[in-house]
Protein backbone atom coordinates (compact mmCIF):
# COMPACT_ATOMS: atom_id res chain seq x y z
CA MET A 1 5.05 49.85 1.74
CA PRO A 2 3.40 51.99 4.45
CA LEU A 3 2.81 49.99 7.67
CA PHE A 4 -0.95 50.70 7.52
CA PHE A 5 -1.42 48.64 4.34
CA VAL A 6 0.63 45.72 5.94
CA ARG A 7 -1.74 45.62 8.95
CA LEU A 8 -4.74 45.83 6.65
CA GLY A 9 -3.07 43.15 4.79
CA ALA A 10 -3.00 40.85 7.79
CA LEU A 11 -6.62 41.63 9.10
CA VAL A 12 -7.89 40.76 5.52
CA ALA A 13 -6.08 37.20 5.60
CA ILE A 14 -7.67 36.54 8.97
CA SER A 15 -10.61 37.34 8.23
CA LEU A 16 -10.40 35.15 4.94
CA CYS A 17 -9.56 32.41 7.66
CA LEU A 18 -12.19 33.08 9.53
CA ALA A 19 -14.87 32.85 6.96
CA GLY A 20 -13.50 29.92 5.59
CA CYS A 21 -13.25 27.82 8.74
CA GLY A 22 -16.66 26.55 10.67
CA ARG A 23 -17.40 23.68 12.83
CA SER A 24 -14.95 21.27 14.10
CA GLU A 25 -14.86 17.76 15.46
CA SER A 26 -12.44 14.98 16.30
CA TYR A 27 -12.08 11.84 17.87
CA ARG A 28 -9.17 9.47 18.94
CA TYR A 29 -9.11 5.89 18.73
CA LYS A 30 -6.70 3.38 20.85
CA LEU A 31 -5.49 0.51 18.81
CA THR A 32 -4.33 -2.52 21.43
CA LEU A 33 -2.50 -5.55 20.29
CA SER A 34 -2.29 -8.80 22.26
CA VAL A 35 -0.06 -11.37 21.31
CA ASN A 36 0.62 -14.91 22.40
CA THR A 37 4.75 -15.39 22.72
CA PRO A 38 6.80 -18.26 24.49
CA GLU A 39 7.42 -15.76 27.12
CA GLY A 40 3.71 -15.03 27.80
CA ILE A 41 1.26 -12.68 26.18
CA LYS A 42 2.87 -9.41 24.87
CA ARG A 43 0.04 -6.14 24.65
CA SER A 44 0.92 -2.73 23.22
CA SER A 45 -1.62 -0.02 22.56
CA SER A 46 -1.36 3.21 20.61
CA VAL A 47 -3.57 6.29 20.36
CA THR A 48 -4.33 8.74 17.28
CA GLU A 49 -6.65 11.45 16.85
CA TRP A 50 -8.92 12.62 13.60
CA ASP A 51 -9.74 16.22 13.43
CA PHE A 52 -12.49 17.16 10.73
CA ARG A 53 -13.01 21.08 9.98
CA GLN A 54 -15.72 22.07 7.99
CA VAL A 55 -14.62 25.11 5.48
CA SER A 56 -16.06 26.70 2.76
CA ILE A 57 -13.04 28.72 1.18
CA PRO A 58 -11.30 27.76 -1.19
CA ALA A 59 -14.19 24.92 -1.67
CA ARG A 60 -16.64 23.59 0.53
CA GLY A 61 -16.03 20.57 2.46
CA THR A 62 -14.23 18.78 5.42
CA PRO A 63 -10.64 18.25 5.09
CA HIS A 64 -8.91 16.17 7.98
CA ARG A 65 -5.93 16.16 9.97
CA LEU A 66 -4.47 12.80 11.11
CA ARG A 67 -1.79 12.98 14.34
CA GLY A 68 -0.50 9.68 15.78
CA GLN A 69 2.38 7.10 15.42
CA ALA A 70 2.39 3.34 14.34
CA LEU A 71 1.76 0.58 17.16
CA TYR A 72 4.99 -0.77 18.37
CA LEU A 73 5.01 -4.12 20.09
CA ASP A 74 7.87 -5.31 21.58
CA LEU A 75 8.25 -9.26 21.90
CA GLY A 76 11.02 -9.45 24.06
CA PRO A 77 14.57 -10.27 23.72
CA ASN A 78 16.15 -11.34 20.42
CA ALA A 79 12.97 -11.12 19.01
CA ARG A 80 11.57 -8.92 16.20
CA PRO A 81 9.01 -6.46 17.04
CA LEU A 82 5.42 -6.12 15.33
CA ILE A 83 4.73 -2.66 13.96
CA ALA A 84 1.04 -1.59 13.13
CA LEU A 85 1.48 1.30 10.84
CA LEU A 86 -1.11 4.37 10.55
CA THR A 87 -1.61 3.31 6.78
CA SER A 88 -2.79 0.09 5.00
CA HIS A 89 -1.54 0.95 1.26
CA LEU A 90 0.59 -2.10 0.42
CA HIS A 91 -2.04 -3.67 -0.88
CA GLU A 92 -5.09 -2.81 -2.52
CA LYS A 93 -8.60 -3.83 -0.72
CA PRO A 94 -11.91 -4.16 -1.27
CA GLY A 95 -13.22 -0.88 -2.74
CA GLY A 96 -9.48 0.65 -3.55
CA VAL A 97 -6.61 1.66 -1.61
CA ILE A 98 -7.54 2.99 2.28
CA TRP A 99 -4.20 4.72 2.32
CA ASP A 100 -4.97 6.59 5.97
CA TRP A 101 -6.41 3.72 8.01
CA SER A 102 -9.17 4.12 10.54
CA GLY A 103 -11.38 2.08 12.85
CA ALA A 104 -14.10 4.28 12.71
CA GLY A 105 -16.24 2.23 10.77
CA LEU A 106 -15.77 -0.65 12.64
CA VAL A 107 -16.90 0.50 16.08
CA SER A 108 -19.43 3.05 14.42
CA LYS A 109 -21.17 -0.41 13.27
CA PHE A 110 -20.66 -2.04 16.12
CA HIS A 111 -22.34 0.69 18.31
CA GLY A 112 -25.16 1.00 15.51
CA LEU A 113 -23.83 4.77 14.53
CA GLN A 114 -23.85 4.13 10.83
CA THR A 115 -25.69 7.16 8.83
CA GLU A 116 -25.86 8.27 5.66
CA PHE A 117 -23.52 11.61 5.13
CA GLY A 118 -25.94 13.61 3.21
CA ASN A 119 -23.91 16.61 4.04
CA ASP A 120 -21.21 17.93 6.14
CA ASP A 121 -23.29 18.56 9.18
CA ALA A 122 -24.28 15.00 9.07
CA PHE A 123 -20.78 13.79 8.91
CA LEU A 124 -19.65 15.99 11.43
CA ASP A 125 -22.89 15.03 13.83
CA TRP A 126 -21.18 11.11 13.21
CA VAL A 127 -18.04 12.19 14.43
CA ALA A 128 -19.21 14.02 17.38
CA ARG A 129 -21.46 11.05 18.51
CA LEU A 130 -18.74 8.65 17.82
CA SER A 131 -15.97 10.59 19.85
CA HIS A 132 -18.19 9.92 22.94
CA VAL A 133 -18.60 6.18 22.21
CA ARG A 134 -16.82 4.00 25.19
CA GLY A 135 -15.95 0.38 25.43
CA PRO A 136 -13.64 -2.04 23.64
CA VAL A 137 -14.37 -3.77 20.25
CA ARG A 138 -12.84 -6.90 19.27
CA ILE A 139 -11.66 -6.66 15.43
CA THR A 140 -9.87 -9.41 13.28
CA PRO A 141 -6.26 -9.25 11.86
CA ALA A 142 -8.08 -8.49 8.35
CA ASP A 143 -9.20 -5.29 9.69
CA LEU A 144 -5.81 -4.26 11.09
CA PRO A 145 -3.46 -1.44 8.87
CA ASP A 146 -0.29 -2.84 7.63
CA LEU A 147 1.88 -4.75 9.68
CA VAL A 148 5.68 -4.51 9.41
CA THR A 149 8.74 -5.68 11.55
CA PHE A 150 12.55 -5.26 10.72
CA ALA A 151 15.18 -7.74 11.07
CA ASP A 152 17.22 -4.78 11.93
CA ILE A 153 15.54 -2.46 13.63
CA ASN A 154 18.40 0.29 13.15
CA ASP A 155 18.40 -0.48 9.32
CA PRO A 156 14.84 0.64 7.99
CA MET A 157 15.87 -1.31 4.58
CA SER A 158 15.62 -4.46 6.65
CA VAL A 159 11.88 -4.20 6.85
CA ILE A 160 9.94 -6.97 6.25
CA GLU A 161 5.83 -7.01 5.74
CA VAL A 162 3.73 -9.18 8.28
CA ASN A 163 1.11 -11.42 6.96
CA PRO A 164 -1.47 -10.81 9.56
CA ASN A 165 -2.83 -14.39 9.12
CA ASP A 166 0.62 -16.02 10.03
CA LEU A 167 2.58 -14.05 12.30
CA GLN A 168 4.93 -17.05 12.76
CA ALA A 169 6.44 -16.62 8.97
CA ALA A 170 8.27 -13.32 10.15
CA LEU A 171 8.04 -13.27 13.95
CA GLY A 172 8.71 -16.74 14.91
CA GLN A 173 7.56 -19.94 15.78
CA ASN A 174 4.32 -19.70 18.84
CA VAL A 175 4.07 -16.42 18.00
CA THR A 176 0.13 -16.06 17.64
CA TRP A 177 -2.99 -13.29 18.19
CA ASN A 178 -4.13 -12.97 21.36
CA GLU A 179 -6.61 -10.57 21.15
CA ILE A 180 -7.02 -7.17 18.93
CA THR A 181 -8.91 -3.92 20.42
CA LEU A 182 -10.06 -0.84 19.46
CA ASP A 183 -11.86 2.03 21.99
CA MET A 184 -12.84 5.39 21.29
CA THR A 185 -10.79 7.33 23.92
CA ASP A 186 -9.54 10.81 25.66
CA GLU A 187 -6.04 9.59 26.38
CA PRO A 188 -3.45 11.30 24.90
CA VAL A 189 -1.91 10.97 21.39
CA THR A 190 1.14 8.29 21.53
CA THR A 191 4.50 10.03 20.89
CA SER A 192 7.23 7.11 21.67
CA ILE A 193 7.78 5.46 18.43
CA LYS A 194 10.90 7.84 17.58
CA SER A 195 12.62 6.45 20.74
CA LYS A 196 12.09 2.61 19.20
CA LEU A 197 13.25 3.39 15.78
CA PRO A 198 16.29 5.50 16.06
CA TRP A 199 16.42 6.64 12.00
CA LEU A 200 13.12 8.00 11.80
CA SER A 201 13.85 11.50 12.94
CA GLU A 202 16.49 11.56 10.08
CA TYR A 203 14.11 10.44 7.62
CA GLN A 204 10.96 12.65 8.52
CA ALA A 205 13.50 15.53 8.09
CA LYS A 206 14.82 14.49 4.69
CA ASN A 207 11.33 12.98 3.54
CA PHE A 208 12.62 9.84 2.94
CA ARG A 209 11.17 6.72 1.81
CA LEU A 210 12.82 3.64 3.53
CA ASP A 211 15.16 2.80 0.79
CA GLY A 212 16.34 6.33 1.28
CA SER A 213 14.89 7.56 -1.89
CA LYS A 214 12.45 10.94 -2.09
CA TYR A 215 10.33 9.09 -4.81
CA GLY A 216 7.89 6.20 -5.40
CA THR A 217 9.73 4.56 -8.00
CA SER A 218 9.05 0.72 -7.40
CA ARG A 219 6.69 -1.55 -5.78
CA THR A 220 8.87 -2.76 -3.11
CA ILE A 221 8.08 -2.23 0.35
CA THR A 222 11.60 -0.10 0.95
CA ASN A 223 10.30 2.17 -1.39
CA GLN A 224 6.54 2.26 -0.92
CA LEU A 225 7.01 2.77 2.53
CA SER A 226 8.35 6.31 4.15
CA SER A 227 8.00 8.16 7.48
CA TYR A 228 4.76 9.11 6.77
CA ASP A 229 3.63 5.64 7.59
CA PHE A 230 5.26 5.65 11.06
CA ASP A 231 4.30 9.10 12.42
CA GLN A 232 2.35 11.97 11.65
CA THR A 233 2.66 13.88 14.94
CA TYR A 234 4.26 16.97 13.47
């Protein structure tokens, strides 16, 4: 193919992309978990980013991109960690499955930013306002994404679901909530989860679920969860 046509094709592709992409807005939220333990209060935070872009090709809408990682709270030597996933799909919630979790609605309601999203611009206006909100909002265990721990942090098959209303059942005696907060922030997106879960990089590369399979074939927690629930920074 003549070089002229190769260059022309590239220009057309770029033009279509530019024509199909419009305004974009994003926000970052920081989830902080504080837990009472026999050794004192343990606390950890994780920052996640949601990016929304207005498009008109192939269809008009505002697709999103999530960047972030699960929150890993180390509860001390010989104790299981508490991990808040990026998702909320282990159990159906009122209104259906949420899947990708975001505390945006909780923060928006607290600060009086609720609005009717009559069109894409109204929604992006809301995202822009939300991104500038500051100040921690206290939330309840029921508001959290799915929580898990591992009997053996090196073995993904040892995953255990954590009941947000009964931490002690999975994490041991005298482990209770101290505080749960949510902030809008400009802090960097968290990128440390792979140093905590040594098997995660391999499972991500192979698109494995925690049971080592590639497909959802059962309702077991090891088959329902995958690397996607722990890391979306790639």
